[in-house]
């Protein structure tokens, strides 16, 4: 979005980039994800069951995707030019399977 604003040529759009103080990424796979392969397997199974599927989203998240690389390079150029802050938050450990969903049980503590 910032790269589009910077290069759009539309009055006021570049002001969005100039006014950006920081960007926060929450679990963003900047370079793609190996999990996209697992998603592709699941997509094919769902398609065999008769659901309409679109592989484009998973393709855009695959490792070594040229679109991701171009987006990364454009973002880095804007970061160096406008010097905004960047904070990235992601999981610190490997995915533990099986995953547990639902409410957690807390131990009651009396004070």
PDB file of N, CA and C in Angstrom:
ATOM      1  N   UNK A   1       0.824  -1.173   0.000  1.00  0.00           N
ATOM      2  CA  UNK A   1       0.000   0.000   0.000  1.00  0.00           C
ATOM      3  C   UNK A   1       0.875   1.245   0.000  1.00  0.00           C
ATOM      4  N   UNK A   2       1.919   1.241   0.829  1.00  0.00           N
ATOM      5  CA  UNK A   2       2.799   2.408   0.865  1.00  0.00           C
ATOM      6  C   UNK A   2       3.529   2.602  -0.465  1.00  0.00           C
ATOM      7  N   UNK A   3       3.965   1.512  -1.068  1.00  0.00           N
ATOM      8  CA  UNK A   3       4.635   1.612  -2.368  1.00  0.00           C
ATOM      9  C   UNK A   3       3.673   2.139  -3.424  1.00  0.00           C
ATOM     10  N   UNK A   4       2.434   1.688  -3.393  1.00  0.00           N
ATOM     11  CA  UNK A   4       1.433   2.180  -4.346  1.00  0.00           C
ATOM     12  C   UNK A   4       1.191   3.670  -4.151  1.00  0.00           C
ATOM     13  N   UNK A   5       1.118   4.106  -2.897  1.00  0.00           N
ATOM     14  CA  UNK A   5       0.918   5.533  -2.621  1.00  0.00           C
ATOM     15  C   UNK A   5       2.107   6.361  -3.110  1.00  0.00           C
ATOM     16  N   UNK A   6       3.298   5.846  -2.916  1.00  0.00           N
ATOM     17  CA  UNK A   6       4.506   6.588  -3.289  1.00  0.00           C
ATOM     18  C   UNK A   6       4.655   6.746  -4.791  1.00  0.00           C
ATOM     19  N   UNK A   7       4.119   5.805  -5.552  1.00  0.00           N
ATOM     20  CA  UNK A   7       4.321   5.835  -7.010  1.00  0.00           C
ATOM     21  C   UNK A   7       3.055   6.118  -7.800  1.00  0.00           C
ATOM     22  N   UNK A   8       1.944   6.423  -7.126  1.00  0.00           N
ATOM     23  CA  UNK A   8       0.660   6.558  -7.816  1.00  0.00           C
ATOM     24  C   UNK A   8       0.562   7.798  -8.693  1.00  0.00           C
ATOM     25  N   UNK A   9       1.252   8.861  -8.311  1.00  0.00           N
ATOM     26  CA  UNK A   9       1.123  10.111  -9.054  1.00  0.00           C
ATOM     27  C   UNK A   9      -0.155  10.867  -8.734  1.00  0.00           C
ATOM     28  N   UNK A  10      -0.933  10.376  -7.792  1.00  0.00           N
ATOM     29  CA  UNK A  10      -2.185  11.032  -7.400  1.00  0.00           C
ATOM     30  C   UNK A  10      -1.893  12.012  -6.271  1.00  0.00           C
ATOM     31  N   UNK A  11      -2.404  13.249  -6.429  1.00  0.00           N
ATOM     32  CA  UNK A  11      -2.172  14.274  -5.414  1.00  0.00           C
ATOM     33  C   UNK A  11      -2.607  13.777  -4.037  1.00  0.00           C
ATOM     34  N   UNK A  12      -1.734  13.938  -3.076  1.00  0.00           N
ATOM     35  CA  UNK A  12      -2.050  13.582  -1.698  1.00  0.00           C
ATOM     36  C   UNK A  12      -1.652  12.179  -1.301  1.00  0.00           C
ATOM     37  N   UNK A  13      -1.508  11.269  -2.270  1.00  0.00           N
ATOM     38  CA  UNK A  13      -1.164   9.885  -1.913  1.00  0.00           C
ATOM     39  C   UNK A  13       0.258   9.773  -1.369  1.00  0.00           C
ATOM     40  N   UNK A  14       1.195  10.529  -1.953  1.00  0.00           N
ATOM     41  CA  UNK A  14       2.552  10.468  -1.433  1.00  0.00           C
ATOM     42  C   UNK A  14       2.613  11.016  -0.003  1.00  0.00           C
ATOM     43  N   UNK A  15       1.669  11.908   0.329  1.00  0.00           N
ATOM     44  CA  UNK A  15       1.606  12.427   1.704  1.00  0.00           C
ATOM     45  C   UNK A  15       1.360  11.316   2.716  1.00  0.00           C
ATOM     46  N   UNK A  16       0.669  10.265   2.299  1.00  0.00           N
ATOM     47  CA  UNK A  16       0.427   9.128   3.199  1.00  0.00           C
ATOM     48  C   UNK A  16       1.767   8.504   3.588  1.00  0.00           C
ATOM     49  N   UNK A  17       2.636   8.301   2.618  1.00  0.00           N
ATOM     50  CA  UNK A  17       3.952   7.721   2.897  1.00  0.00           C
ATOM     51  C   UNK A  17       4.774   8.684   3.750  1.00  0.00           C
ATOM     52  N   UNK A  18       4.762   9.951   3.382  1.00  0.00           N
ATOM     53  CA  UNK A  18       5.530  10.952   4.127  1.00  0.00           C
ATOM     54  C   UNK A  18       5.045  11.074   5.571  1.00  0.00           C
ATOM     55  N   UNK A  19       3.778  10.815   5.812  1.00  0.00           N
ATOM     56  CA  UNK A  19       3.197  10.944   7.151  1.00  0.00           C
ATOM     57  C   UNK A  19       3.292   9.664   7.979  1.00  0.00           C
ATOM     58  N   UNK A  20       3.773   8.593   7.390  1.00  0.00           N
ATOM     59  CA  UNK A  20       3.870   7.319   8.095  1.00  0.00           C
ATOM     60  C   UNK A  20       4.995   7.378   9.114  1.00  0.00           C
ATOM     61  N   UNK A  21       4.645   7.142  10.380  1.00  0.00           N
ATOM     62  CA  UNK A  21       5.642   7.153  11.451  1.00  0.00           C
ATOM     63  C   UNK A  21       6.178   5.759  11.741  1.00  0.00           C
ATOM     64  N   UNK A  22       5.344   4.764  11.498  1.00  0.00           N
ATOM     65  CA  UNK A  22       5.775   3.406  11.784  1.00  0.00           C
ATOM     66  C   UNK A  22       4.860   2.385  11.144  1.00  0.00           C
ATOM     67  N   UNK A  23       5.377   1.157  11.058  1.00  0.00           N
ATOM     68  CA  UNK A  23       4.632   0.032  10.504  1.00  0.00           C
ATOM     69  C   UNK A  23       4.798  -1.135  11.461  1.00  0.00           C
ATOM     70  N   UNK A  24       3.689  -1.807  11.777  1.00  0.00           N
ATOM     71  CA  UNK A  24       3.717  -2.978  12.646  1.00  0.00           C
ATOM     72  C   UNK A  24       3.322  -4.195  11.816  1.00  0.00           C
ATOM     73  N   UNK A  25       4.149  -5.226  11.877  1.00  0.00           N
ATOM     74  CA  UNK A  25       3.863  -6.492  11.202  1.00  0.00           C
ATOM     75  C   UNK A  25       3.536  -7.531  12.259  1.00  0.00           C
ATOM     76  N   UNK A  26       2.418  -8.210  12.088  1.00  0.00           N
ATOM     77  CA  UNK A  26       1.998  -9.261  13.013  1.00  0.00           C
ATOM     78  C   UNK A  26       2.054 -10.599  12.296  1.00  0.00           C
ATOM     79  N   UNK A  27       3.108 -11.352  12.533  1.00  0.00           N
ATOM     80  CA  UNK A  27       3.243 -12.677  11.923  1.00  0.00           C
ATOM     81  C   UNK A  27       3.262 -12.646  10.414  1.00  0.00           C
ATOM     82  N   UNK A  28       3.874 -11.641   9.823  1.00  0.00           N
ATOM     83  CA  UNK A  28       3.888 -11.465   8.380  1.00  0.00           C
ATOM     84  C   UNK A  28       5.001 -12.293   7.741  1.00  0.00           C
ATOM     85  N   UNK A  29       4.654 -13.198   6.817  1.00  0.00           N
ATOM     86  CA  UNK A  29       5.686 -14.003   6.150  1.00  0.00           C
ATOM     87  C   UNK A  29       6.329 -13.230   4.995  1.00  0.00           C
ATOM     88  N   UNK A  30       7.271 -12.342   5.317  1.00  0.00           N
ATOM     89  CA  UNK A  30       7.882 -11.465   4.311  1.00  0.00           C
ATOM     90  C   UNK A  30       8.512 -12.227   3.154  1.00  0.00           C
ATOM     91  N   UNK A  31       9.057 -13.372   3.424  1.00  0.00           N
ATOM     92  CA  UNK A  31       9.754 -14.148   2.394  1.00  0.00           C
ATOM     93  C   UNK A  31       8.970 -15.390   1.988  1.00  0.00           C
ATOM     94  N   UNK A  32       7.688 -15.440   2.340  1.00  0.00           N
ATOM     95  CA  UNK A  32       6.882 -16.612   2.048  1.00  0.00           C
ATOM     96  C   UNK A  32       6.912 -17.587   3.209  1.00  0.00           C
ATOM     97  N   UNK A  33       6.245 -18.688   3.025  1.00  0.00           N
ATOM     98  CA  UNK A  33       6.151 -19.668   4.106  1.00  0.00           C
ATOM     99  C   UNK A  33       6.148 -21.081   3.541  1.00  0.00           C
ATOM    100  N   UNK A  34       6.886 -21.950   4.196  1.00  0.00           N
ATOM    101  CA  UNK A  34       6.878 -23.354   3.787  1.00  0.00           C
ATOM    102  C   UNK A  34       5.527 -24.000   4.074  1.00  0.00           C
ATOM    103  N   UNK A  35       4.727 -23.384   4.937  1.00  0.00           N
ATOM    104  CA  UNK A  35       3.400 -23.900   5.263  1.00  0.00           C
ATOM    105  C   UNK A  35       2.459 -23.778   4.065  1.00  0.00           C
ATOM    106  N   UNK A  36       2.810 -22.925   3.109  1.00  0.00           N
ATOM    107  CA  UNK A  36       1.979 -22.780   1.909  1.00  0.00           C
ATOM    108  C   UNK A  36       1.853 -24.104   1.173  1.00  0.00           C
ATOM    109  N   UNK A  37       2.888 -24.950   1.241  1.00  0.00           N
ATOM    110  CA  UNK A  37       2.810 -26.273   0.599  1.00  0.00           C
ATOM    111  C   UNK A  37       1.726 -27.124   1.240  1.00  0.00           C
ATOM    112  N   UNK A  38       1.635 -27.081   2.557  1.00  0.00           N
ATOM    113  CA  UNK A  38       0.593 -27.817   3.275  1.00  0.00           C
ATOM    114  C   UNK A  38      -0.789 -27.265   2.914  1.00  0.00           C
ATOM    115  N   UNK A  39      -0.874 -25.957   2.799  1.00  0.00           N
ATOM    116  CA  UNK A  39      -2.128 -25.329   2.395  1.00  0.00           C
ATOM    117  C   UNK A  39      -2.547 -25.750   0.994  1.00  0.00           C
ATOM    118  N   UNK A  40      -1.583 -25.920   0.110  1.00  0.00           N
ATOM    119  CA  UNK A  40      -1.886 -26.356  -1.257  1.00  0.00           C
ATOM    120  C   UNK A  40      -2.433 -27.774  -1.260  1.00  0.00           C
ATOM    121  N   UNK A  41      -1.876 -28.633  -0.423  1.00  0.00           N
ATOM    122  CA  UNK A  41      -2.401 -29.998  -0.302  1.00  0.00           C
ATOM    123  C   UNK A  41      -3.851 -29.948   0.180  1.00  0.00           C
ATOM    124  N   UNK A  42      -4.109 -29.153   1.207  1.00  0.00           N
ATOM    125  CA  UNK A  42      -5.474 -29.028   1.737  1.00  0.00           C
ATOM    126  C   UNK A  42      -6.413 -28.456   0.676  1.00  0.00           C
ATOM    127  N   UNK A  43      -5.943 -27.485  -0.100  1.00  0.00           N
ATOM    128  CA  UNK A  43      -6.772 -26.889  -1.148  1.00  0.00           C
ATOM    129  C   UNK A  43      -7.158 -27.929  -2.191  1.00  0.00           C
ATOM    130  N   UNK A  44      -6.209 -28.776  -2.570  1.00  0.00           N
ATOM    131  CA  UNK A  44      -6.491 -29.806  -3.570  1.00  0.00           C
ATOM    132  C   UNK A  44      -7.497 -30.831  -3.046  1.00  0.00           C
ATOM    133  N   UNK A  45      -7.391 -31.184  -1.769  1.00  0.00           N
ATOM    134  CA  UNK A  45      -8.354 -32.120  -1.171  1.00  0.00           C
ATOM    135  C   UNK A  45      -9.751 -31.511  -1.182  1.00  0.00           C
ATOM    136  N   UNK A  46      -9.843 -30.249  -0.795  1.00  0.00           N
ATOM    137  CA  UNK A  46     -11.142 -29.570  -0.776  1.00  0.00           C
ATOM    138  C   UNK A  46     -11.708 -29.461  -2.189  1.00  0.00           C
ATOM    139  N   UNK A  47     -10.846 -29.207  -3.153  1.00  0.00           N
ATOM    140  CA  UNK A  47     -11.298 -29.129  -4.552  1.00  0.00           C
ATOM    141  C   UNK A  47     -11.842 -30.469  -5.024  1.00  0.00           C
ATOM    142  N   UNK A  48     -11.180 -31.576  -4.627  1.00  0.00           N
ATOM    143  CA  UNK A  48     -11.679 -32.904  -4.981  1.00  0.00           C
ATOM    144  C   UNK A  48     -13.062 -33.177  -4.399  1.00  0.00           C
ATOM    145  N   UNK A  49     -13.361 -32.525  -3.274  1.00  0.00           N
ATOM    146  CA  UNK A  49     -14.669 -32.676  -2.634  1.00  0.00           C
ATOM    147  C   UNK A  49     -15.736 -31.788  -3.276  1.00  0.00           C
ATOM    148  N   UNK A  50     -15.332 -31.036  -4.306  1.00  0.00           N
ATOM    149  CA  UNK A  50     -16.300 -30.259  -5.064  1.00  0.00           C
ATOM    150  C   UNK A  50     -16.337 -28.774  -4.761  1.00  0.00           C
ATOM    151  N   UNK A  51     -15.491 -28.295  -3.863  1.00  0.00           N
ATOM    152  CA  UNK A  51     -15.491 -26.865  -3.548  1.00  0.00           C
ATOM    153  C   UNK A  51     -14.695 -26.094  -4.595  1.00  0.00           C
ATOM    154  N   UNK A  52     -15.119 -24.877  -4.858  1.00  0.00           N
ATOM    155  CA  UNK A  52     -14.409 -24.010  -5.782  1.00  0.00           C
ATOM    156  C   UNK A  52     -13.225 -23.403  -5.032  1.00  0.00           C
ATOM    157  N   UNK A  53     -12.023 -23.568  -5.548  1.00  0.00           N
ATOM    158  CA  UNK A  53     -10.836 -23.046  -4.872  1.00  0.00           C
ATOM    159  C   UNK A  53     -10.025 -22.169  -5.810  1.00  0.00           C
ATOM    160  N   UNK A  54      -9.197 -21.324  -5.211  1.00  0.00           N
ATOM    161  CA  UNK A  54      -8.354 -20.422  -5.980  1.00  0.00           C
ATOM    162  C   UNK A  54      -6.916 -20.563  -5.469  1.00  0.00           C
ATOM    163  N   UNK A  55      -6.005 -21.044  -6.290  1.00  0.00           N
ATOM    164  CA  UNK A  55      -4.627 -21.268  -5.843  1.00  0.00           C
ATOM    165  C   UNK A  55      -3.782 -19.999  -5.729  1.00  0.00           C
ATOM    166  N   UNK A  56      -4.286 -18.857  -6.181  1.00  0.00           N
ATOM    167  CA  UNK A  56      -3.467 -17.650  -6.246  1.00  0.00           C
ATOM    168  C   UNK A  56      -2.974 -17.176  -4.883  1.00  0.00           C
ATOM    169  N   UNK A  57      -3.817 -17.263  -3.849  1.00  0.00           N
ATOM    170  CA  UNK A  57      -3.407 -16.811  -2.519  1.00  0.00           C
ATOM    171  C   UNK A  57      -2.250 -17.655  -2.014  1.00  0.00           C
ATOM    172  N   UNK A  58      -2.368 -18.960  -2.143  1.00  0.00           N
ATOM    173  CA  UNK A  58      -1.294 -19.839  -1.690  1.00  0.00           C
ATOM    174  C   UNK A  58      -0.032 -19.656  -2.510  1.00  0.00           C
ATOM    175  N   UNK A  59      -0.185 -19.432  -3.804  1.00  0.00           N
ATOM    176  CA  UNK A  59       0.986 -19.187  -4.650  1.00  0.00           C
ATOM    177  C   UNK A  59       1.719 -17.926  -4.203  1.00  0.00           C
ATOM    178  N   UNK A  60       0.954 -16.910  -3.796  1.00  0.00           N
ATOM    179  CA  UNK A  60       1.586 -15.654  -3.373  1.00  0.00           C
ATOM    180  C   UNK A  60       2.317 -15.803  -2.047  1.00  0.00           C
ATOM    181  N   UNK A  61       2.013 -16.854  -1.281  1.00  0.00           N
ATOM    182  CA  UNK A  61       2.693 -17.090  -0.004  1.00  0.00           C
ATOM    183  C   UNK A  61       3.800 -18.138  -0.091  1.00  0.00           C
ATOM    184  N   UNK A  62       4.026 -18.676  -1.277  1.00  0.00           N
ATOM    185  CA  UNK A  62       5.046 -19.719  -1.413  1.00  0.00           C
ATOM    186  C   UNK A  62       6.442 -19.111  -1.280  1.00  0.00           C
ATOM    187  N   UNK A  63       7.399 -19.951  -0.911  1.00  0.00           N
ATOM    188  CA  UNK A  63       8.774 -19.497  -0.778  1.00  0.00           C
ATOM    189  C   UNK A  63       9.330 -19.099  -2.141  1.00  0.00           C
ATOM    190  N   UNK A  64      10.216 -18.145  -2.148  1.00  0.00           N
ATOM    191  CA  UNK A  64      10.879 -17.669  -3.361  1.00  0.00           C
ATOM    192  C   UNK A  64       9.894 -17.147  -4.404  1.00  0.00           C
ATOM    193  N   UNK A  65       8.867 -16.455  -3.952  1.00  0.00           N
ATOM    194  CA  UNK A  65       7.878 -15.859  -4.837  1.00  0.00           C
ATOM    195  C   UNK A  65       8.410 -14.510  -5.316  1.00  0.00           C
ATOM    196  N   UNK A  66       8.441 -14.305  -6.627  1.00  0.00           N
ATOM    197  CA  UNK A  66       9.010 -13.070  -7.169  1.00  0.00           C
ATOM    198  C   UNK A  66       8.191 -11.838  -6.785  1.00  0.00           C
ATOM    199  N   UNK A  67       6.868 -11.978  -6.634  1.00  0.00           N
ATOM    200  CA  UNK A  67       6.046 -10.845  -6.208  1.00  0.00           C
ATOM    201  C   UNK A  67       6.405 -10.419  -4.788  1.00  0.00           C
ATOM    202  N   UNK A  68       6.598 -11.388  -3.898  1.00  0.00           N
ATOM    203  CA  UNK A  68       7.004 -11.066  -2.525  1.00  0.00           C
ATOM    204  C   UNK A  68       8.355 -10.370  -2.505  1.00  0.00           C
ATOM    205  N   UNK A  69       9.265 -10.838  -3.321  1.00  0.00           N
ATOM    206  CA  UNK A  69      10.603 -10.229  -3.369  1.00  0.00           C
ATOM    207  C   UNK A  69      10.524  -8.789  -3.865  1.00  0.00           C
ATOM    208  N   UNK A  70       9.731  -8.536  -4.904  1.00  0.00           N
ATOM    209  CA  UNK A  70       9.565  -7.159  -5.408  1.00  0.00           C
ATOM    210  C   UNK A  70       8.926  -6.271  -4.348  1.00  0.00           C
ATOM    211  N   UNK A  71       7.896  -6.789  -3.666  1.00  0.00           N
ATOM    212  CA  UNK A  71       7.251  -6.013  -2.605  1.00  0.00           C
ATOM    213  C   UNK A  71       8.232  -5.697  -1.485  1.00  0.00           C
ATOM    214  N   UNK A  72       9.048  -6.680  -1.120  1.00  0.00           N
ATOM    215  CA  UNK A  72      10.042  -6.479  -0.063  1.00  0.00           C
ATOM    216  C   UNK A  72      11.045  -5.395  -0.457  1.00  0.00           C
ATOM    217  N   UNK A  73      11.544  -5.464  -1.689  1.00  0.00           N
ATOM    218  CA  UNK A  73      12.512  -4.470  -2.154  1.00  0.00           C
ATOM    219  C   UNK A  73      11.898  -3.067  -2.201  1.00  0.00           C
ATOM    220  N   UNK A  74      10.643  -2.953  -2.651  1.00  0.00           N
ATOM    221  CA  UNK A  74       9.971  -1.652  -2.702  1.00  0.00           C
ATOM    222  C   UNK A  74       9.775  -1.099  -1.295  1.00  0.00           C
ATOM    223  N   UNK A  75       9.387  -1.973  -0.363  1.00  0.00           N
ATOM    224  CA  UNK A  75       9.187  -1.536   1.018  1.00  0.00           C
ATOM    225  C   UNK A  75      10.506  -1.069   1.639  1.00  0.00           C
ATOM    226  N   UNK A  76      11.576  -1.827   1.415  1.00  0.00           N
ATOM    227  CA  UNK A  76      12.880  -1.459   1.980  1.00  0.00           C
ATOM    228  C   UNK A  76      13.351  -0.110   1.430  1.00  0.00           C
ATOM    229  N   UNK A  77      13.102   0.158   0.164  1.00  0.00           N
ATOM    230  CA  UNK A  77      13.482   1.444  -0.425  1.00  0.00           C
ATOM    231  C   UNK A  77      12.715   2.587   0.245  1.00  0.00           C
ATOM    232  N   UNK A  78      11.424   2.375   0.493  1.00  0.00           N
ATOM    233  CA  UNK A  78      10.628   3.403   1.174  1.00  0.00           C
ATOM    234  C   UNK A  78      11.101   3.598   2.608  1.00  0.00           C
ATOM    235  N   UNK A  79      11.421   2.505   3.278  1.00  0.00           N
ATOM    236  CA  UNK A  79      11.905   2.586   4.664  1.00  0.00           C
ATOM    237  C   UNK A  79      13.189   3.412   4.729  1.00  0.00           C
ATOM    238  N   UNK A  80      14.112   3.159   3.797  1.00  0.00           N
ATOM    239  CA  UNK A  80      15.364   3.912   3.800  1.00  0.00           C
ATOM    240  C   UNK A  80      15.139   5.382   3.438  1.00  0.00           C
ATOM    241  N   UNK A  81      14.203   5.639   2.551  1.00  0.00           N
ATOM    242  CA  UNK A  81      13.941   7.020   2.124  1.00  0.00           C
ATOM    243  C   UNK A  81      13.226   7.828   3.202  1.00  0.00           C
ATOM    244  N   UNK A  82      12.194   7.228   3.859  1.00  0.00           N
ATOM    245  CA  UNK A  82      11.359   7.984   4.796  1.00  0.00           C
ATOM    246  C   UNK A  82      11.683   7.701   6.266  1.00  0.00           C
ATOM    247  N   UNK A  83      12.507   6.698   6.533  1.00  0.00           N
ATOM    248  CA  UNK A  83      13.020   6.424   7.880  1.00  0.00           C
ATOM    249  C   UNK A  83      11.926   6.238   8.942  1.00  0.00           C
ATOM    250  N   UNK A  84      10.849   5.531   8.608  1.00  0.00           N
ATOM    251  CA  UNK A  84       9.829   5.250   9.616  1.00  0.00           C
ATOM    252  C   UNK A  84      10.268   4.047  10.450  1.00  0.00           C
ATOM    253  N   UNK A  85       9.642   3.885  11.608  1.00  0.00           N
ATOM    254  CA  UNK A  85       9.969   2.781  12.516  1.00  0.00           C
ATOM    255  C   UNK A  85       9.252   1.511  12.074  1.00  0.00           C
ATOM    256  N   UNK A  86       9.865   0.372  12.345  1.00  0.00           N
ATOM    257  CA  UNK A  86       9.268  -0.926  12.024  1.00  0.00           C
ATOM    258  C   UNK A  86       9.318  -1.804  13.261  1.00  0.00           C
ATOM    259  N   UNK A  87       8.198  -2.433  13.584  1.00  0.00           N
ATOM    260  CA  UNK A  87       8.138  -3.428  14.658  1.00  0.00           C
ATOM    261  C   UNK A  87       7.506  -4.688  14.083  1.00  0.00           C
ATOM    262  N   UNK A  88       8.121  -5.809  14.342  1.00  0.00           N
ATOM    263  CA  UNK A  88       7.630  -7.092  13.846  1.00  0.00           C
ATOM    264  C   UNK A  88       7.402  -8.015  15.034  1.00  0.00           C
ATOM    265  N   UNK A  89       6.233  -8.630  15.079  1.00  0.00           N
ATOM    266  CA  UNK A  89       5.902  -9.583  16.128  1.00  0.00           C
ATOM    267  C   UNK A  89       5.574 -10.915  15.471  1.00  0.00           C
ATOM    268  N   UNK A  90       6.167 -11.979  16.001  1.00  0.00           N
ATOM    269  CA  UNK A  90       5.897 -13.310  15.464  1.00  0.00           C
ATOM    270  C   UNK A  90       6.096 -14.334  16.575  1.00  0.00           C
ATOM    271  N   UNK A  91       5.662 -15.550  16.286  1.00  0.00           N
ATOM    272  CA  UNK A  91       5.817 -16.624  17.248  1.00  0.00           C
ATOM    273  C   UNK A  91       7.298 -16.892  17.455  1.00  0.00           C
ATOM    274  N   UNK A  92       7.660 -17.234  18.696  1.00  0.00           N
ATOM    275  CA  UNK A  92       9.052 -17.480  18.993  1.00  0.00           C
ATOM    276  C   UNK A  92       9.457 -18.938  18.938  1.00  0.00           C
ATOM    277  N   UNK A  93       8.500 -19.836  18.932  1.00  0.00           N
ATOM    278  CA  UNK A  93       8.823 -21.251  18.951  1.00  0.00           C
ATOM    279  C   UNK A  93       8.127 -21.986  17.833  1.00  0.00           C
ATOM    280  N   UNK A  94       8.479 -23.231  17.660  1.00  0.00           N
ATOM    281  CA  UNK A  94       7.847 -24.024  16.598  1.00  0.00           C
ATOM    282  C   UNK A  94       6.391 -24.341  16.927  1.00  0.00           C
ATOM    283  N   UNK A  95       5.622 -24.596  15.893  1.00  0.00           N
ATOM    284  CA  UNK A  95       4.232 -24.981  16.049  1.00  0.00           C
ATOM    285  C   UNK A  95       4.158 -26.336  16.740  1.00  0.00           C
ATOM    286  N   UNK A  96       3.388 -26.412  17.800  1.00  0.00           N
ATOM    287  CA  UNK A  96       3.237 -27.658  18.542  1.00  0.00           C
ATOM    288  C   UNK A  96       1.926 -28.329  18.130  1.00  0.00           C
ATOM    289  N   UNK A  97       2.029 -29.547  17.632  1.00  0.00           N
ATOM    290  CA  UNK A  97       0.840 -30.293  17.239  1.00  0.00           C
ATOM    291  C   UNK A  97       0.655 -31.456  18.191  1.00  0.00           C
ATOM    292  N   UNK A  98      -0.526 -31.850  18.579  1.00  0.00           N
ATOM    293  CA  UNK A  98      -1.789 -31.230  18.184  1.00  0.00           C
ATOM    294  C   UNK A  98      -2.028 -29.930  18.941  1.00  0.00           C
ATOM    295  N   UNK A  99      -2.718 -29.021  18.284  1.00  0.00           N
ATOM    296  CA  UNK A  99      -3.042 -27.745  18.915  1.00  0.00           C
ATOM    297  C   UNK A  99      -4.309 -27.907  19.740  1.00  0.00           C
ATOM    298  N   UNK A 100      -4.392 -27.193  20.835  1.00  0.00           N
ATOM    299  CA  UNK A 100      -5.584 -27.219  21.676  1.00  0.00           C
ATOM    300  C   UNK A 100      -6.334 -25.909  21.495  1.00  0.00           C
ATOM    301  N   UNK A 101      -7.625 -26.012  21.252  1.00  0.00           N
ATOM    302  CA  UNK A 101      -8.463 -24.834  21.085  1.00  0.00           C
ATOM    303  C   UNK A 101      -9.485 -24.795  22.203  1.00  0.00           C
ATOM    304  N   UNK A 102      -9.997 -23.620  22.462  1.00  0.00           N
ATOM    305  CA  UNK A 102     -11.037 -23.488  23.487  1.00  0.00           C
ATOM    306  C   UNK A 102     -10.522 -22.734  24.691  1.00  0.00           C
ATOM    307  N   UNK A 103     -11.379 -22.638  25.694  1.00  0.00           N
ATOM    308  CA  UNK A 103     -11.048 -21.881  26.896  1.00  0.00           C
ATOM    309  C   UNK A 103     -10.001 -22.622  27.716  1.00  0.00           C
ATOM    310  N   UNK A 104      -9.088 -21.859  28.268  1.00  0.00           N
ATOM    311  CA  UNK A 104      -8.081 -22.439  29.148  1.00  0.00           C
ATOM    312  C   UNK A 104      -8.650 -22.566  30.546  1.00  0.00           C
ATOM    313  N   UNK A 105      -8.182 -23.541  31.278  1.00  0.00           N
ATOM    314  CA  UNK A 105      -8.601 -23.703  32.667  1.00  0.00           C
ATOM    315  C   UNK A 105      -7.541 -23.069  33.547  1.00  0.00           C
ATOM    316  N   UNK A 106      -7.975 -22.140  34.392  1.00  0.00           N
ATOM    317  CA  UNK A 106      -7.063 -21.455  35.284  1.00  0.00           C
ATOM    318  C   UNK A 106      -7.228 -21.992  36.687  1.00  0.00           C
ATOM    319  N   UNK A 107      -6.127 -22.076  37.387  1.00  0.00           N
ATOM    320  CA  UNK A 107      -6.132 -22.497  38.767  1.00  0.00           C
ATOM    321  C   UNK A 107      -6.612 -21.341  39.622  1.00  0.00           C
ATOM    322  N   UNK A 108      -7.584 -21.595  40.485  1.00  0.00           N
ATOM    323  CA  UNK A 108      -8.129 -20.555  41.344  1.00  0.00           C
ATOM    324  C   UNK A 108      -7.121 -20.274  42.466  1.00  0.00           C
ATOM    325  N   UNK A 109      -6.804 -19.016  42.629  1.00  0.00           N
ATOM    326  CA  UNK A 109      -5.848 -18.610  43.662  1.00  0.00           C
ATOM    327  C   UNK A 109      -6.558 -17.735  44.656  1.00  0.00           C
ATOM    328  N   UNK A 110      -6.401 -18.042  45.953  1.00  0.00           N
ATOM    329  CA  UNK A 110      -7.011 -17.196  46.980  1.00  0.00           C
ATOM    330  C   UNK A 110      -5.938 -16.318  47.610  1.00  0.00           C
ATOM    331  N   UNK A 111      -6.304 -15.082  47.831  1.00  0.00           N
ATOM    332  CA  UNK A 111      -5.349 -14.124  48.400  1.00  0.00           C
ATOM    333  C   UNK A 111      -5.596 -13.895  49.871  1.00  0.00           C
TER     334      UNK A 111
END
